[in-house]
Amino acid sequence: MKNFLKIIKENKLILDIMNVVIGFIIVILIILLFLNPDKQYLLAIVFLLGVIMNVLNWIRKGRK
């Protein structure tokens, strides 16, 4: 486990891991939104997660 964390820190992969996790959550929420169209708040959450993902990508580009 320590080796895995060391690889993440050295290669700065935390932003990539966060993007994958947020993308996975977005897909799940979109599926739930199509199954339950009455829950409109899910759409707002999906858009908010999209904004967070774009900010994370902007931060990663700014570092390079």
C-alpha atoms as a PDB file:
ATOM      1  CA  MET A   1       0.000   0.000   0.000  1.00  0.00           C
ATOM      2  CA  LYS A   2       2.846   2.388   0.780  1.00  0.00           C
ATOM      3  CA  ASN A   3       4.354   1.682  -2.631  1.00  0.00           C
ATOM      4  CA  PHE A   4       1.033   2.501  -4.300  1.00  0.00           C
ATOM      5  CA  LEU A   5       0.762   5.813  -2.421  1.00  0.00           C
ATOM      6  CA  LYS A   6       4.370   6.630  -3.308  1.00  0.00           C
ATOM      7  CA  ILE A   7       3.653   6.104  -7.017  1.00  0.00           C
ATOM      8  CA  ILE A   8       0.589   8.351  -6.792  1.00  0.00           C
ATOM      9  CA  LYS A   9       2.548  11.145  -5.096  1.00  0.00           C
ATOM     10  CA  GLU A  10       5.560  10.945  -7.426  1.00  0.00           C
ATOM     11  CA  ASN A  11       3.517  10.962 -10.621  1.00  0.00           C
ATOM     12  CA  LYS A  12       0.902  13.409  -9.328  1.00  0.00           C
ATOM     13  CA  LEU A  13      -1.900  11.019 -10.190  1.00  0.00           C
ATOM     14  CA  ILE A  14      -4.325  12.245  -7.543  1.00  0.00           C
ATOM     15  CA  LEU A  15      -6.068  14.570 -10.018  1.00  0.00           C
ATOM     16  CA  ASP A  16      -6.450  11.722 -12.515  1.00  0.00           C
ATOM     17  CA  ILE A  17      -7.879   9.439  -9.856  1.00  0.00           C
ATOM     18  CA  MET A  18     -10.328  12.155  -8.793  1.00  0.00           C
ATOM     19  CA  ASN A  19     -11.401  12.617 -12.436  1.00  0.00           C
ATOM     20  CA  VAL A  20     -12.089   8.899 -12.796  1.00  0.00           C
ATOM     21  CA  VAL A  21     -14.079   8.771  -9.562  1.00  0.00           C
ATOM     22  CA  ILE A  22     -16.122  11.869 -10.440  1.00  0.00           C
ATOM     23  CA  GLY A  23     -16.766  10.511 -13.942  1.00  0.00           C
ATOM     24  CA  PHE A  24     -17.991   7.230 -12.495  1.00  0.00           C
ATOM     25  CA  ILE A  25     -20.319   9.075 -10.107  1.00  0.00           C
ATOM     26  CA  ILE A  26     -21.660  11.188 -12.987  1.00  0.00           C
ATOM     27  CA  VAL A  27     -22.485   8.081 -15.018  1.00  0.00           C
ATOM     28  CA  ILE A  28     -24.305   6.508 -12.070  1.00  0.00           C
ATOM     29  CA  LEU A  29     -26.290   9.690 -11.410  1.00  0.00           C
ATOM     30  CA  ILE A  30     -27.257  10.012 -15.089  1.00  0.00           C
ATOM     31  CA  ILE A  31     -28.572   6.435 -15.050  1.00  0.00           C
ATOM     32  CA  LEU A  32     -30.538   7.174 -11.890  1.00  0.00           C
ATOM     33  CA  LEU A  33     -31.887  10.342 -13.476  1.00  0.00           C
ATOM     34  CA  PHE A  34     -33.196   8.422 -16.489  1.00  0.00           C
ATOM     35  CA  LEU A  35     -34.752   5.792 -14.249  1.00  0.00           C
ATOM     36  CA  ASN A  36     -36.360   8.392 -11.952  1.00  0.00           C
ATOM     37  CA  PRO A  37     -37.108  11.545 -13.970  1.00  0.00           C
ATOM     38  CA  ASP A  38     -38.990  13.033 -11.006  1.00  0.00           C
ATOM     39  CA  LYS A  39     -35.747  13.666  -9.137  1.00  0.00           C
ATOM     40  CA  GLN A  40     -34.602  16.846 -10.840  1.00  0.00           C
ATOM     41  CA  TYR A  41     -32.011  17.615  -8.173  1.00  0.00           C
ATOM     42  CA  LEU A  42     -29.833  14.843  -9.655  1.00  0.00           C
ATOM     43  CA  LEU A  43     -29.365  16.984 -12.763  1.00  0.00           C
ATOM     44  CA  ALA A  44     -28.033  19.855 -10.672  1.00  0.00           C
ATOM     45  CA  ILE A  45     -25.632  17.490  -8.917  1.00  0.00           C
ATOM     46  CA  VAL A  46     -24.402  16.156 -12.278  1.00  0.00           C
ATOM     47  CA  PHE A  47     -23.730  19.682 -13.535  1.00  0.00           C
ATOM     48  CA  LEU A  48     -21.926  20.573 -10.309  1.00  0.00           C
ATOM     49  CA  LEU A  49     -19.721  17.479 -10.618  1.00  0.00           C
ATOM     50  CA  GLY A  50     -18.995  18.450 -14.222  1.00  0.00           C
ATOM     51  CA  VAL A  51     -17.851  21.871 -13.055  1.00  0.00           C
ATOM     52  CA  ILE A  52     -15.596  20.273 -10.452  1.00  0.00           C
ATOM     53  CA  MET A  53     -14.126  17.967 -13.093  1.00  0.00           C
ATOM     54  CA  ASN A  54     -13.397  20.904 -15.399  1.00  0.00           C
ATOM     55  CA  VAL A  55     -11.720  22.832 -12.579  1.00  0.00           C
ATOM     56  CA  LEU A  56      -9.535  19.821 -11.776  1.00  0.00           C
ATOM     57  CA  ASN A  57      -8.487  19.571 -15.433  1.00  0.00           C
ATOM     58  CA  TRP A  58      -7.748  23.294 -15.475  1.00  0.00           C
ATOM     59  CA  ILE A  59      -5.537  22.907 -12.390  1.00  0.00           C
ATOM     60  CA  ARG A  60      -3.658  20.019 -14.006  1.00  0.00           C
ATOM     61  CA  LYS A  61      -3.038  22.024 -17.200  1.00  0.00           C
ATOM     62  CA  GLY A  62      -1.872  24.987 -15.131  1.00  0.00           C
ATOM     63  CA  ARG A  63       0.786  22.880 -13.445  1.00  0.00           C
ATOM     64  CA  LYS A  64       2.321  21.763 -16.748  1.00  0.00           C
END
